[in-house]
């Protein structure tokens, strides 16, 4: 359920990307990228 909720928030809610990289004996790395906000710095 946690990964499904993360997908909905990152992909559907923020138009971001979610990637997984798994290496034997090292574990899994989750890579989350969110688009930056355009416009003024206020």
N, C-alpha and C. Protein backbone atom coordinates (compact mmCIF):
# COMPACT_ATOMS: atom_id res chain seq x y z
N UNK A 1 0.82 -1.19 0.00
CA UNK A 1 0.00 0.00 0.00
C UNK A 1 0.87 1.26 0.00
N UNK A 2 2.00 1.24 0.65
CA UNK A 2 2.85 2.42 0.72
C UNK A 2 3.39 2.85 -0.64
N UNK A 3 3.84 1.88 -1.45
CA UNK A 3 4.36 2.22 -2.77
C UNK A 3 3.25 2.71 -3.69
N UNK A 4 2.07 2.14 -3.56
CA UNK A 4 0.93 2.58 -4.36
C UNK A 4 0.55 4.02 -4.03
N UNK A 5 0.55 4.35 -2.76
CA UNK A 5 0.25 5.72 -2.33
C UNK A 5 1.34 6.68 -2.80
N UNK A 6 2.60 6.26 -2.70
CA UNK A 6 3.72 7.09 -3.18
C UNK A 6 3.58 7.36 -4.67
N UNK A 7 3.23 6.34 -5.43
CA UNK A 7 3.03 6.49 -6.88
C UNK A 7 1.96 7.54 -7.16
N UNK A 8 0.82 7.42 -6.49
CA UNK A 8 -0.27 8.37 -6.71
C UNK A 8 0.15 9.80 -6.42
N UNK A 9 0.88 10.01 -5.33
CA UNK A 9 1.29 11.36 -4.95
C UNK A 9 2.34 11.91 -5.91
N UNK A 10 3.38 11.12 -6.18
CA UNK A 10 4.51 11.59 -7.00
C UNK A 10 4.14 11.71 -8.47
N UNK A 11 3.54 10.67 -9.04
CA UNK A 11 3.25 10.63 -10.47
C UNK A 11 1.99 11.40 -10.82
N UNK A 12 0.90 11.05 -10.17
CA UNK A 12 -0.39 11.65 -10.52
C UNK A 12 -0.55 13.04 -9.93
N UNK A 13 -0.09 13.24 -8.71
CA UNK A 13 -0.29 14.52 -8.04
C UNK A 13 0.70 15.60 -8.42
N UNK A 14 1.96 15.20 -8.72
CA UNK A 14 3.00 16.20 -8.96
C UNK A 14 3.68 16.06 -10.31
N UNK A 15 3.22 15.15 -11.16
CA UNK A 15 3.82 14.91 -12.48
C UNK A 15 5.31 14.61 -12.39
N UNK A 16 5.70 13.89 -11.36
CA UNK A 16 7.10 13.53 -11.17
C UNK A 16 7.39 12.13 -11.70
N UNK A 17 8.58 11.63 -11.36
CA UNK A 17 8.97 10.28 -11.74
C UNK A 17 9.41 9.51 -10.51
N UNK A 18 9.23 8.21 -10.56
CA UNK A 18 9.62 7.31 -9.48
C UNK A 18 10.33 6.13 -10.12
N UNK A 19 11.60 5.93 -9.74
CA UNK A 19 12.40 4.84 -10.31
C UNK A 19 12.94 3.98 -9.18
N UNK A 20 13.15 2.72 -9.48
CA UNK A 20 13.75 1.79 -8.52
C UNK A 20 14.97 1.16 -9.16
N UNK A 21 16.04 1.08 -8.39
CA UNK A 21 17.24 0.38 -8.84
C UNK A 21 17.63 -0.61 -7.76
N UNK A 22 17.70 -1.89 -8.12
CA UNK A 22 18.04 -2.94 -7.17
C UNK A 22 19.37 -3.56 -7.54
N UNK A 23 20.24 -3.69 -6.54
CA UNK A 23 21.54 -4.33 -6.74
C UNK A 23 21.68 -5.46 -5.74
N UNK A 24 22.14 -6.61 -6.21
CA UNK A 24 22.33 -7.76 -5.33
C UNK A 24 23.25 -7.39 -4.17
N UNK A 25 22.90 -7.80 -2.99
CA UNK A 25 23.67 -7.60 -1.76
C UNK A 25 23.83 -6.13 -1.37
N UNK A 26 23.12 -5.21 -2.05
CA UNK A 26 23.23 -3.79 -1.70
C UNK A 26 21.88 -3.18 -1.36
N UNK A 27 20.79 -3.81 -1.79
CA UNK A 27 19.46 -3.28 -1.50
C UNK A 27 18.86 -2.55 -2.69
N UNK A 28 17.81 -1.79 -2.40
CA UNK A 28 17.07 -1.08 -3.43
C UNK A 28 17.14 0.42 -3.20
N UNK A 29 17.35 1.16 -4.27
CA UNK A 29 17.40 2.62 -4.22
C UNK A 29 16.16 3.17 -4.92
N UNK A 30 15.46 4.06 -4.23
CA UNK A 30 14.29 4.73 -4.81
C UNK A 30 14.72 6.12 -5.26
N UNK A 31 14.45 6.45 -6.51
CA UNK A 31 14.83 7.75 -7.06
C UNK A 31 13.55 8.50 -7.39
N UNK A 32 13.35 9.63 -6.72
CA UNK A 32 12.15 10.44 -6.90
C UNK A 32 12.56 11.78 -7.49
N UNK A 33 11.93 12.16 -8.59
CA UNK A 33 12.19 13.46 -9.21
C UNK A 33 10.88 14.21 -9.33
N UNK A 34 10.88 15.45 -8.85
CA UNK A 34 9.70 16.31 -8.93
C UNK A 34 10.03 17.53 -9.76
N UNK A 35 9.10 17.98 -10.59
CA UNK A 35 9.37 19.17 -11.40
C UNK A 35 9.49 20.41 -10.52
N UNK A 36 10.35 21.33 -10.94
CA UNK A 36 10.53 22.58 -10.21
C UNK A 36 9.43 23.57 -10.54
N UNK A 37 9.25 24.52 -9.67
CA UNK A 37 8.24 25.55 -9.87
C UNK A 37 8.83 26.66 -10.73
N UNK A 38 8.09 27.09 -11.71
CA UNK A 38 8.50 28.18 -12.58
C UNK A 38 7.94 29.49 -12.05
N UNK A 39 8.66 30.58 -12.26
CA UNK A 39 8.13 31.88 -11.86
C UNK A 39 9.05 32.61 -10.90
N UNK A 40 8.49 33.54 -10.16
CA UNK A 40 9.28 34.37 -9.26
C UNK A 40 9.73 33.58 -8.04
N UNK A 41 10.69 34.14 -7.32
CA UNK A 41 11.23 33.50 -6.13
C UNK A 41 10.49 33.91 -4.86
N UNK A 42 9.33 34.51 -4.97
CA UNK A 42 8.58 34.97 -3.79
C UNK A 42 7.93 33.83 -3.08
